[in-house]
Amino acid sequence: MGAHEIRMRLGGVSRQRAYQITSRADFPKPIADLRQGKVWLTDDVEAWMKVHRRDLDDSED
């Protein structure tokens, strides 16, 4: 999952806000740093969101 997908899953947050979130010490580490940007495992990001962004669970129903 790239930064754009993370932004969308977090409710369309700004690029700056996504950078702040993905830079947190408790956010999963990226599995690759490609020319286009960093890439995270979808399962890792979704697990993090379940703990830290519970408000998103309601909007996905």
N, C-alpha and C. Protein backbone atom coordinates (compact mmCIF):
# COMPACT_ATOMS: atom_id res chain seq x y z
N MET A 1 0.85 -1.16 0.00
CA MET A 1 0.00 0.00 0.00
C MET A 1 0.90 1.23 0.00
N GLY A 2 0.62 2.14 -0.91
CA GLY A 2 1.40 3.37 -0.99
C GLY A 2 0.76 4.49 -0.18
N ALA A 3 1.41 5.63 -0.18
CA ALA A 3 0.94 6.78 0.60
C ALA A 3 -0.45 7.24 0.18
N HIS A 4 -0.72 7.21 -1.12
CA HIS A 4 -2.05 7.64 -1.58
C HIS A 4 -3.15 6.74 -1.02
N GLU A 5 -2.93 5.43 -1.06
CA GLU A 5 -3.92 4.50 -0.51
C GLU A 5 -4.10 4.73 0.98
N ILE A 6 -3.02 4.99 1.69
CA ILE A 6 -3.12 5.26 3.13
C ILE A 6 -3.94 6.53 3.35
N ARG A 7 -3.68 7.58 2.56
CA ARG A 7 -4.44 8.81 2.69
C ARG A 7 -5.92 8.55 2.51
N MET A 8 -6.28 7.77 1.52
CA MET A 8 -7.69 7.49 1.25
C MET A 8 -8.31 6.67 2.37
N ARG A 9 -7.59 5.68 2.87
CA ARG A 9 -8.12 4.84 3.96
C ARG A 9 -8.28 5.63 5.25
N LEU A 10 -7.52 6.70 5.39
CA LEU A 10 -7.63 7.55 6.58
C LEU A 10 -8.65 8.67 6.38
N GLY A 11 -9.46 8.54 5.37
CA GLY A 11 -10.53 9.50 5.16
C GLY A 11 -10.16 10.68 4.28
N GLY A 12 -9.15 10.53 3.46
CA GLY A 12 -8.76 11.60 2.56
C GLY A 12 -7.95 12.69 3.21
N VAL A 13 -7.11 12.32 4.17
CA VAL A 13 -6.28 13.32 4.85
C VAL A 13 -5.28 13.93 3.87
N SER A 14 -4.73 15.08 4.23
CA SER A 14 -3.75 15.76 3.39
C SER A 14 -2.45 14.97 3.32
N ARG A 15 -1.62 15.31 2.36
CA ARG A 15 -0.30 14.67 2.25
C ARG A 15 0.52 14.93 3.50
N GLN A 16 0.44 16.15 4.01
CA GLN A 16 1.21 16.49 5.21
C GLN A 16 0.76 15.66 6.41
N ARG A 17 -0.56 15.50 6.55
CA ARG A 17 -1.09 14.70 7.67
C ARG A 17 -0.70 13.23 7.51
N ALA A 18 -0.75 12.72 6.29
CA ALA A 18 -0.35 11.33 6.05
C ALA A 18 1.12 11.14 6.40
N TYR A 19 1.96 12.11 6.04
CA TYR A 19 3.38 12.03 6.38
C TYR A 19 3.57 12.02 7.90
N GLN A 20 2.82 12.87 8.61
CA GLN A 20 2.91 12.90 10.07
C GLN A 20 2.54 11.54 10.65
N ILE A 21 1.48 10.96 10.15
CA ILE A 21 1.01 9.67 10.66
C ILE A 21 2.00 8.56 10.35
N THR A 22 2.47 8.49 9.10
CA THR A 22 3.38 7.41 8.72
C THR A 22 4.76 7.57 9.34
N SER A 23 5.06 8.74 9.87
CA SER A 23 6.34 8.97 10.53
C SER A 23 6.31 8.66 12.03
N ARG A 24 5.13 8.37 12.54
CA ARG A 24 5.02 8.06 13.97
C ARG A 24 5.82 6.80 14.31
N ALA A 25 6.35 6.78 15.51
CA ALA A 25 7.15 5.64 15.96
C ALA A 25 6.33 4.35 16.00
N ASP A 26 5.01 4.46 16.26
CA ASP A 26 4.18 3.27 16.36
C ASP A 26 3.54 2.85 15.04
N PHE A 27 3.78 3.60 13.96
CA PHE A 27 3.25 3.23 12.65
C PHE A 27 4.15 2.14 12.06
N PRO A 28 3.56 1.18 11.33
CA PRO A 28 4.39 0.11 10.75
C PRO A 28 5.50 0.66 9.85
N LYS A 29 6.61 0.00 9.86
CA LYS A 29 7.73 0.38 9.00
C LYS A 29 7.43 -0.04 7.57
N PRO A 30 7.82 0.78 6.60
CA PRO A 30 7.60 0.39 5.20
C PRO A 30 8.43 -0.83 4.82
N ILE A 31 7.92 -1.61 3.88
CA ILE A 31 8.66 -2.79 3.44
C ILE A 31 9.61 -2.46 2.29
N ALA A 32 9.37 -1.29 1.64
CA ALA A 32 10.24 -0.87 0.54
C ALA A 32 10.18 0.65 0.40
N ASP A 33 11.26 1.20 -0.11
CA ASP A 33 11.31 2.63 -0.40
C ASP A 33 11.66 2.76 -1.88
N LEU A 34 10.62 2.86 -2.70
CA LEU A 34 10.77 2.89 -4.15
C LEU A 34 10.94 4.32 -4.65
N ARG A 35 11.25 4.45 -5.91
CA ARG A 35 11.38 5.77 -6.51
C ARG A 35 10.09 6.58 -6.35
N GLN A 36 8.94 5.91 -6.44
CA GLN A 36 7.65 6.57 -6.32
C GLN A 36 7.27 6.86 -4.87
N GLY A 37 7.97 6.26 -3.93
CA GLY A 37 7.66 6.46 -2.51
C GLY A 37 7.72 5.16 -1.73
N LYS A 38 7.39 5.27 -0.49
CA LYS A 38 7.43 4.11 0.41
C LYS A 38 6.20 3.24 0.20
N VAL A 39 6.37 1.95 0.55
CA VAL A 39 5.30 0.97 0.41
C VAL A 39 5.19 0.20 1.73
N TRP A 40 3.96 0.04 2.21
CA TRP A 40 3.69 -0.68 3.45
C TRP A 40 2.85 -1.90 3.15
N LEU A 41 2.94 -2.90 4.02
CA LEU A 41 2.07 -4.06 3.92
C LEU A 41 0.65 -3.65 4.31
N THR A 42 -0.31 -3.97 3.48
CA THR A 42 -1.70 -3.60 3.74
C THR A 42 -2.16 -4.13 5.09
N ASP A 43 -1.84 -5.39 5.41
CA ASP A 43 -2.27 -5.97 6.68
C ASP A 43 -1.72 -5.19 7.87
N ASP A 44 -0.46 -4.75 7.78
CA ASP A 44 0.14 -3.98 8.87
C ASP A 44 -0.57 -2.64 9.06
N VAL A 45 -0.85 -1.97 7.96
CA VAL A 45 -1.51 -0.66 8.03
C VAL A 45 -2.94 -0.81 8.56
N GLU A 46 -3.66 -1.81 8.08
CA GLU A 46 -5.02 -2.02 8.55
C GLU A 46 -5.07 -2.39 10.02
N ALA A 47 -4.11 -3.18 10.49
CA ALA A 47 -4.05 -3.52 11.91
C ALA A 47 -3.78 -2.26 12.74
N TRP A 48 -2.90 -1.40 12.26
CA TRP A 48 -2.60 -0.14 12.97
C TRP A 48 -3.87 0.72 13.04
N MET A 49 -4.60 0.80 11.92
CA MET A 49 -5.81 1.61 11.89
C MET A 49 -6.88 1.09 12.84
N LYS A 50 -6.99 -0.22 12.97
CA LYS A 50 -7.99 -0.78 13.89
C LYS A 50 -7.73 -0.33 15.32
N VAL A 51 -6.48 -0.18 15.68
CA VAL A 51 -6.13 0.24 17.04
C VAL A 51 -6.20 1.76 17.20
N HIS A 52 -5.68 2.49 16.21
CA HIS A 52 -5.51 3.92 16.35
C HIS A 52 -6.57 4.77 15.68
N ARG A 53 -7.34 4.21 14.79
CA ARG A 53 -8.34 4.96 14.06
C ARG A 53 -9.68 4.24 14.09
N ARG A 54 -10.16 3.94 15.25
CA ARG A 54 -11.41 3.18 15.39
C ARG A 54 -12.59 3.84 14.72
N ASP A 55 -12.55 5.17 14.59
CA ASP A 55 -13.65 5.87 13.96
C ASP A 55 -13.81 5.47 12.49
N LEU A 56 -12.79 4.94 11.85
CA LEU A 56 -12.88 4.51 10.45
C LEU A 56 -13.66 3.22 10.29
N ASP A 57 -13.68 2.39 11.32
CA ASP A 57 -14.39 1.11 11.23
C ASP A 57 -15.87 1.33 10.94
N ASP A 58 -16.46 2.34 11.54
CA ASP A 58 -17.90 2.60 11.36
C ASP A 58 -18.21 3.05 9.94
N SER A 59 -17.33 3.77 9.30
CA SER A 59 -17.61 4.28 7.97
C SER A 59 -17.45 3.22 6.88
N GLU A 60 -16.87 2.08 7.17
CA GLU A 60 -16.67 1.03 6.18
C GLU A 60 -17.82 0.03 6.14
N ASP A 61 -18.79 0.14 7.02
CA ASP A 61 -19.91 -0.80 7.06
C ASP A 61 -20.86 -0.60 5.92
